[in-house]
Amino acid sequence: MKKNICMVLLSGIIILTIGCTVDGVVTERPADVVYERGIAPGPDYIWIGGDWVWSGGRYTWHEGRWEKRREGRVWHEGHWNQRSRGWRWERGHW
């Protein structure tokens, strides 16, 4: 009985460890996406650049948008970070 419990726990730890080391890291970063943004809907709007989203084992592109400025806050654009195992997208944030 103890042996079975240990095997189940060990299997769970291995699965979680594998999932954590692979998630969101790619060996080659996707090419930059070029597109035109529309006109701002008003003077109190800022452009939030497009974003790469990790889904289904790969990155997919989500286009940028205009968003109302948040008083006292600054938007930091998303960017690629190179890691020892490849590239990972760091999402933009306020």
C-alpha atoms as a PDB file:
ATOM      1  CA  MET A   1       0.000   0.000   0.000  1.00  0.00           C
ATOM      2  CA  LYS A   2       2.770   2.449   0.953  1.00  0.00           C
ATOM      3  CA  LYS A   3       4.609   1.576  -2.245  1.00  0.00           C
ATOM      4  CA  ASN A   4       1.531   2.447  -4.354  1.00  0.00           C
ATOM      5  CA  ILE A   5       1.062   5.793  -2.585  1.00  0.00           C
ATOM      6  CA  CYS A   6       4.725   6.653  -3.082  1.00  0.00           C
ATOM      7  CA  MET A   7       4.522   5.778  -6.794  1.00  0.00           C
ATOM      8  CA  VAL A   8       1.431   7.979  -7.255  1.00  0.00           C
ATOM      9  CA  LEU A   9       3.089  10.902  -5.453  1.00  0.00           C
ATOM     10  CA  LEU A  10       6.312  10.497  -7.401  1.00  0.00           C
ATOM     11  CA  SER A  11       4.415  10.353 -10.710  1.00  0.00           C
ATOM     12  CA  GLY A  12       2.532  13.546  -9.809  1.00  0.00           C
ATOM     13  CA  ILE A  13       5.730  15.381  -8.928  1.00  0.00           C
ATOM     14  CA  ILE A  14       7.375  14.334 -12.212  1.00  0.00           C
ATOM     15  CA  ILE A  15       4.365  15.453 -14.250  1.00  0.00           C
ATOM     16  CA  LEU A  16       4.232  18.829 -12.474  1.00  0.00           C
ATOM     17  CA  THR A  17       7.978  19.364 -12.890  1.00  0.00           C
ATOM     18  CA  ILE A  18       7.886  18.593 -16.609  1.00  0.00           C
ATOM     19  CA  GLY A  19       4.921  20.913 -17.096  1.00  0.00           C
ATOM     20  CA  CYS A  20       6.647  23.787 -15.313  1.00  0.00           C
ATOM     21  CA  THR A  21       9.883  23.610 -17.280  1.00  0.00           C
ATOM     22  CA  VAL A  22       8.285  23.494 -20.747  1.00  0.00           C
ATOM     23  CA  ASP A  23       5.343  25.869 -20.404  1.00  0.00           C
ATOM     24  CA  GLY A  24       5.820  29.073 -22.359  1.00  0.00           C
ATOM     25  CA  VAL A  25       9.398  28.484 -23.534  1.00  0.00           C
ATOM     26  CA  VAL A  26      10.183  28.126 -27.253  1.00  0.00           C
ATOM     27  CA  THR A  27      13.546  27.509 -28.905  1.00  0.00           C
ATOM     28  CA  GLU A  28      12.955  30.234 -31.510  1.00  0.00           C
ATOM     29  CA  ARG A  29      10.943  33.338 -30.865  1.00  0.00           C
ATOM     30  CA  PRO A  30       8.173  34.053 -33.353  1.00  0.00           C
ATOM     31  CA  ALA A  31       8.793  36.720 -35.980  1.00  0.00           C
ATOM     32  CA  ASP A  32       7.718  40.260 -35.135  1.00  0.00           C
ATOM     33  CA  VAL A  33       4.178  41.047 -36.260  1.00  0.00           C
ATOM     34  CA  VAL A  34       3.680  44.218 -38.284  1.00  0.00           C
ATOM     35  CA  TYR A  35       0.230  45.777 -38.531  1.00  0.00           C
ATOM     36  CA  GLU A  36      -1.399  49.201 -38.519  1.00  0.00           C
ATOM     37  CA  ARG A  37      -3.215  50.527 -35.526  1.00  0.00           C
ATOM     38  CA  GLY A  38      -6.302  52.644 -35.978  1.00  0.00           C
ATOM     39  CA  ILE A  39      -6.840  56.186 -34.801  1.00  0.00           C
ATOM     40  CA  ALA A  40      -7.222  56.717 -31.061  1.00  0.00           C
ATOM     41  CA  PRO A  41     -10.859  57.035 -30.001  1.00  0.00           C
ATOM     42  CA  GLY A  42      -9.967  60.085 -27.907  1.00  0.00           C
ATOM     43  CA  PRO A  43      -7.113  62.057 -26.322  1.00  0.00           C
ATOM     44  CA  ASP A  44      -7.252  60.053 -23.076  1.00  0.00           C
ATOM     45  CA  TYR A  45      -6.482  56.716 -24.779  1.00  0.00           C
ATOM     46  CA  ILE A  46      -3.117  54.966 -25.109  1.00  0.00           C
ATOM     47  CA  TRP A  47      -2.053  52.142 -27.393  1.00  0.00           C
ATOM     48  CA  ILE A  48      -1.631  48.740 -25.753  1.00  0.00           C
ATOM     49  CA  GLY A  49       0.647  46.788 -28.091  1.00  0.00           C
ATOM     50  CA  GLY A  50      -0.151  43.290 -29.313  1.00  0.00           C
ATOM     51  CA  ASP A  51       0.514  40.348 -27.061  1.00  0.00           C
ATOM     52  CA  TRP A  52       1.708  36.770 -27.453  1.00  0.00           C
ATOM     53  CA  VAL A  53      -0.455  34.338 -25.458  1.00  0.00           C
ATOM     54  CA  TRP A  54       0.636  30.797 -24.557  1.00  0.00           C
ATOM     55  CA  SER A  55      -2.167  28.398 -25.455  1.00  0.00           C
ATOM     56  CA  GLY A  56      -2.257  24.772 -26.539  1.00  0.00           C
ATOM     57  CA  GLY A  57       1.515  24.365 -26.336  1.00  0.00           C
ATOM     58  CA  ARG A  58       2.332  27.355 -28.571  1.00  0.00           C
ATOM     59  CA  TYR A  59       2.187  31.140 -28.705  1.00  0.00           C
ATOM     60  CA  THR A  60      -0.650  32.852 -30.553  1.00  0.00           C
ATOM     61  CA  TRP A  61      -0.766  36.540 -31.449  1.00  0.00           C
ATOM     62  CA  HIS A  62      -3.445  38.864 -30.056  1.00  0.00           C
ATOM     63  CA  GLU A  63      -3.563  42.266 -31.748  1.00  0.00           C
ATOM     64  CA  GLY A  64      -3.146  45.488 -29.818  1.00  0.00           C
ATOM     65  CA  ARG A  65      -5.921  47.849 -28.785  1.00  0.00           C
ATOM     66  CA  TRP A  66      -6.659  51.346 -27.584  1.00  0.00           C
ATOM     67  CA  GLU A  67      -7.388  51.580 -23.874  1.00  0.00           C
ATOM     68  CA  LYS A  68      -8.281  54.470 -21.581  1.00  0.00           C
ATOM     69  CA  ARG A  69      -5.292  55.896 -19.772  1.00  0.00           C
ATOM     70  CA  ARG A  70      -5.121  54.893 -16.102  1.00  0.00           C
ATOM     71  CA  GLU A  71      -4.278  57.892 -13.995  1.00  0.00           C
ATOM     72  CA  GLY A  72      -1.045  57.507 -12.060  1.00  0.00           C
ATOM     73  CA  ARG A  73      -0.117  54.308 -13.912  1.00  0.00           C
ATOM     74  CA  VAL A  74       2.280  53.576 -16.786  1.00  0.00           C
ATOM     75  CA  TRP A  75       1.897  50.813 -19.383  1.00  0.00           C
ATOM     76  CA  HIS A  76       4.969  48.566 -19.797  1.00  0.00           C
ATOM     77  CA  GLU A  77       4.996  46.805 -23.182  1.00  0.00           C
ATOM     78  CA  GLY A  78       5.411  43.043 -23.382  1.00  0.00           C
ATOM     79  CA  HIS A  79       8.781  41.706 -24.546  1.00  0.00           C
ATOM     80  CA  TRP A  80      10.723  38.530 -25.240  1.00  0.00           C
ATOM     81  CA  ASN A  81      13.258  37.286 -22.691  1.00  0.00           C
ATOM     82  CA  GLN A  82      15.924  34.810 -23.672  1.00  0.00           C
ATOM     83  CA  ARG A  83      16.385  32.019 -21.147  1.00  0.00           C
ATOM     84  CA  SER A  84      18.826  29.119 -20.976  1.00  0.00           C
ATOM     85  CA  ARG A  85      16.269  26.809 -22.660  1.00  0.00           C
ATOM     86  CA  GLY A  86      14.860  29.301 -25.155  1.00  0.00           C
ATOM     87  CA  TRP A  87      12.564  32.316 -25.369  1.00  0.00           C
ATOM     88  CA  ARG A  88       9.650  33.290 -23.117  1.00  0.00           C
ATOM     89  CA  TRP A  89       7.160  36.138 -23.611  1.00  0.00           C
ATOM     90  CA  GLU A  90       6.724  38.518 -20.682  1.00  0.00           C
ATOM     91  CA  ARG A  91       3.265  40.057 -20.996  1.00  0.00           C
ATOM     92  CA  GLY A  92       2.685  43.787 -20.852  1.00  0.00           C
ATOM     93  CA  HIS A  93       1.314  45.243 -17.634  1.00  0.00           C
ATOM     94  CA  TRP A  94       0.283  48.453 -15.894  1.00  0.00           C
END
